[in-house]
N, C-alpha and C. Protein backbone atom coordinates (compact mmCIF):
# COMPACT_ATOMS: atom_id res chain seq x y z
N MET A 1 50.53 33.81 30.39
CA MET A 1 50.62 32.84 31.47
C MET A 1 49.44 31.86 31.40
N LYS A 2 48.27 32.38 31.06
CA LYS A 2 47.09 31.52 30.99
C LYS A 2 47.25 30.48 29.87
N ASP A 3 47.85 30.90 28.75
CA ASP A 3 48.08 29.96 27.65
C ASP A 3 49.01 28.84 28.07
N LYS A 4 50.03 29.17 28.84
CA LYS A 4 50.98 28.17 29.29
C LYS A 4 50.31 27.15 30.22
N ILE A 5 49.48 27.61 31.10
CA ILE A 5 48.78 26.71 32.02
C ILE A 5 47.79 25.83 31.27
N ASN A 6 47.07 26.42 30.31
CA ASN A 6 46.14 25.62 29.51
C ASN A 6 46.88 24.54 28.71
N ALA A 7 48.01 24.90 28.13
CA ALA A 7 48.80 23.93 27.36
C ALA A 7 49.29 22.82 28.27
N TYR A 8 49.74 23.17 29.47
CA TYR A 8 50.21 22.17 30.44
C TYR A 8 49.10 21.17 30.76
N HIS A 9 47.92 21.69 31.05
CA HIS A 9 46.80 20.81 31.41
C HIS A 9 46.35 19.93 30.24
N LYS A 10 46.39 20.46 29.04
CA LYS A 10 46.02 19.65 27.87
C LYS A 10 47.01 18.51 27.66
N ILE A 11 48.29 18.80 27.79
CA ILE A 11 49.30 17.75 27.64
C ILE A 11 49.15 16.73 28.75
N ARG A 12 48.92 17.19 29.96
CA ARG A 12 48.77 16.27 31.10
C ARG A 12 47.57 15.35 30.91
N ARG A 13 46.45 15.89 30.45
CA ARG A 13 45.26 15.06 30.19
C ARG A 13 45.54 14.04 29.09
N THR A 14 46.29 14.46 28.09
CA THR A 14 46.64 13.55 27.00
C THR A 14 47.52 12.41 27.51
N ILE A 15 48.46 12.74 28.36
CA ILE A 15 49.33 11.72 28.94
C ILE A 15 48.51 10.72 29.76
N LEU A 16 47.62 11.22 30.59
CA LEU A 16 46.82 10.35 31.43
C LEU A 16 45.86 9.50 30.62
N GLY A 17 45.49 9.94 29.43
CA GLY A 17 44.60 9.18 28.57
C GLY A 17 45.32 8.21 27.65
N SER A 18 46.64 8.20 27.71
CA SER A 18 47.43 7.33 26.83
C SER A 18 47.21 5.87 27.21
N ARG A 19 47.17 5.03 26.17
CA ARG A 19 46.98 3.61 26.41
C ARG A 19 48.12 2.74 25.93
N ASN A 20 49.10 3.35 25.25
CA ASN A 20 50.23 2.55 24.78
C ASN A 20 51.49 3.40 24.69
N GLU A 21 52.59 2.73 24.45
CA GLU A 21 53.90 3.37 24.42
C GLU A 21 54.03 4.36 23.26
N LEU A 22 53.45 4.04 22.12
CA LEU A 22 53.54 4.93 20.97
C LEU A 22 52.89 6.28 21.25
N HIS A 23 51.77 6.25 21.91
CA HIS A 23 51.10 7.51 22.24
C HIS A 23 51.92 8.31 23.25
N LEU A 24 52.59 7.65 24.16
CA LEU A 24 53.45 8.35 25.11
C LEU A 24 54.64 9.00 24.40
N GLN A 25 55.14 8.38 23.36
CA GLN A 25 56.22 8.99 22.59
C GLN A 25 55.73 10.26 21.89
N THR A 26 54.50 10.23 21.43
CA THR A 26 53.90 11.42 20.83
C THR A 26 53.78 12.53 21.88
N CYS A 27 53.44 12.16 23.09
CA CYS A 27 53.35 13.14 24.17
C CYS A 27 54.71 13.75 24.47
N THR A 28 55.77 12.98 24.32
CA THR A 28 57.12 13.50 24.52
C THR A 28 57.42 14.59 23.51
N ILE A 29 56.98 14.41 22.29
CA ILE A 29 57.15 15.45 21.27
C ILE A 29 56.36 16.70 21.65
N MET A 30 55.16 16.50 22.17
CA MET A 30 54.35 17.64 22.61
C MET A 30 55.06 18.41 23.72
N ILE A 31 55.72 17.68 24.63
CA ILE A 31 56.46 18.34 25.71
C ILE A 31 57.62 19.15 25.14
N GLY A 32 58.30 18.61 24.14
CA GLY A 32 59.39 19.34 23.50
C GLY A 32 58.93 20.65 22.88
N ILE A 33 57.80 20.61 22.22
CA ILE A 33 57.24 21.82 21.63
C ILE A 33 56.84 22.82 22.72
N PHE A 34 56.27 22.30 23.81
CA PHE A 34 55.89 23.14 24.94
C PHE A 34 57.10 23.87 25.51
N VAL A 35 58.20 23.14 25.70
CA VAL A 35 59.41 23.75 26.27
C VAL A 35 60.00 24.78 25.32
N MET A 36 60.00 24.48 24.02
CA MET A 36 60.53 25.44 23.05
C MET A 36 59.72 26.73 23.06
N ARG A 37 58.41 26.61 23.21
CA ARG A 37 57.55 27.79 23.15
C ARG A 37 57.58 28.59 24.45
N TYR A 38 57.48 27.90 25.59
CA TYR A 38 57.33 28.62 26.87
C TYR A 38 58.60 28.67 27.70
N LYS A 39 59.60 27.86 27.38
CA LYS A 39 60.89 27.85 28.08
C LYS A 39 60.70 27.72 29.60
N ASP A 40 59.93 26.70 30.00
CA ASP A 40 59.67 26.46 31.41
C ASP A 40 60.14 25.04 31.77
N GLU A 41 61.30 24.96 32.38
CA GLU A 41 61.89 23.66 32.72
C GLU A 41 61.16 22.96 33.87
N SER A 42 60.57 23.73 34.78
CA SER A 42 59.88 23.09 35.92
C SER A 42 58.65 22.32 35.44
N MET A 43 57.89 22.90 34.53
CA MET A 43 56.72 22.20 34.00
C MET A 43 57.16 21.02 33.13
N LYS A 44 58.29 21.15 32.45
CA LYS A 44 58.82 20.05 31.67
C LYS A 44 59.11 18.86 32.58
N THR A 45 59.71 19.13 33.72
CA THR A 45 60.02 18.06 34.67
C THR A 45 58.75 17.40 35.18
N LEU A 46 57.74 18.19 35.48
CA LEU A 46 56.47 17.63 35.94
C LEU A 46 55.84 16.74 34.88
N LEU A 47 55.86 17.19 33.64
CA LEU A 47 55.28 16.40 32.56
C LEU A 47 56.08 15.12 32.30
N LYS A 48 57.41 15.20 32.40
CA LYS A 48 58.23 14.00 32.24
C LYS A 48 57.91 12.98 33.33
N ASN A 49 57.70 13.46 34.55
CA ASN A 49 57.32 12.56 35.64
C ASN A 49 55.97 11.91 35.37
N GLU A 50 55.03 12.67 34.83
CA GLU A 50 53.72 12.12 34.47
C GLU A 50 53.86 11.01 33.44
N ILE A 51 54.73 11.23 32.45
CA ILE A 51 54.95 10.21 31.42
C ILE A 51 55.53 8.95 32.02
N GLU A 52 56.52 9.10 32.89
CA GLU A 52 57.13 7.93 33.52
C GLU A 52 56.11 7.17 34.37
N ASN A 53 55.30 7.89 35.12
CA ASN A 53 54.27 7.24 35.94
C ASN A 53 53.27 6.49 35.06
N ARG A 54 52.85 7.11 33.98
CA ARG A 54 51.89 6.46 33.08
C ARG A 54 52.51 5.25 32.40
N ARG A 55 53.77 5.37 32.01
CA ARG A 55 54.47 4.26 31.38
C ARG A 55 54.55 3.07 32.34
N ASN A 56 54.83 3.35 33.61
CA ASN A 56 54.87 2.27 34.61
C ASN A 56 53.50 1.63 34.80
N GLU A 57 52.44 2.43 34.78
CA GLU A 57 51.09 1.89 34.90
C GLU A 57 50.76 0.98 33.72
N ILE A 58 51.11 1.42 32.52
CA ILE A 58 50.84 0.62 31.32
C ILE A 58 51.60 -0.70 31.38
N LEU A 59 52.86 -0.65 31.81
CA LEU A 59 53.66 -1.88 31.91
C LEU A 59 53.11 -2.82 32.97
N SER A 60 52.64 -2.29 34.08
CA SER A 60 52.09 -3.15 35.12
C SER A 60 50.77 -3.78 34.66
N GLN A 61 49.96 -3.03 33.93
CA GLN A 61 48.72 -3.58 33.40
C GLN A 61 49.02 -4.69 32.39
N ARG A 62 50.01 -4.47 31.55
CA ARG A 62 50.38 -5.47 30.56
C ARG A 62 50.88 -6.75 31.23
N SER A 63 51.67 -6.60 32.30
CA SER A 63 52.18 -7.79 32.98
C SER A 63 51.04 -8.54 33.69
N ARG A 64 50.04 -7.82 34.20
CA ARG A 64 48.90 -8.48 34.83
C ARG A 64 48.11 -9.28 33.80
N TYR A 65 47.92 -8.73 32.62
CA TYR A 65 47.18 -9.46 31.57
C TYR A 65 47.95 -10.69 31.11
N LYS A 66 49.27 -10.57 31.03
CA LYS A 66 50.07 -11.72 30.63
C LYS A 66 49.96 -12.83 31.66
N LYS A 67 49.93 -12.49 32.94
CA LYS A 67 49.81 -13.48 34.00
C LYS A 67 48.45 -14.18 33.92
N VAL A 68 47.41 -13.42 33.64
CA VAL A 68 46.06 -13.99 33.56
C VAL A 68 45.95 -14.93 32.36
N LEU A 69 46.56 -14.54 31.25
CA LEU A 69 46.46 -15.36 30.03
C LEU A 69 47.37 -16.60 30.08
N SER A 70 48.36 -16.61 30.96
CA SER A 70 49.29 -17.74 31.03
C SER A 70 48.69 -18.92 31.76
């Protein structure tokens, strides 16, 4: 159980540290491996939500920079 929680937190920190879409896709692969190993759908859902939230943050930051540069 401790290994599963540690893996969850490592993936979550990686997601929050992502700066672009490519890195988020890599995190999706990490989530797939996590689910295959631990078979925990609830944590998978939480991690998918984290990815979507981070993706939205990255897109909003990108649109703000485009507005400033225009």
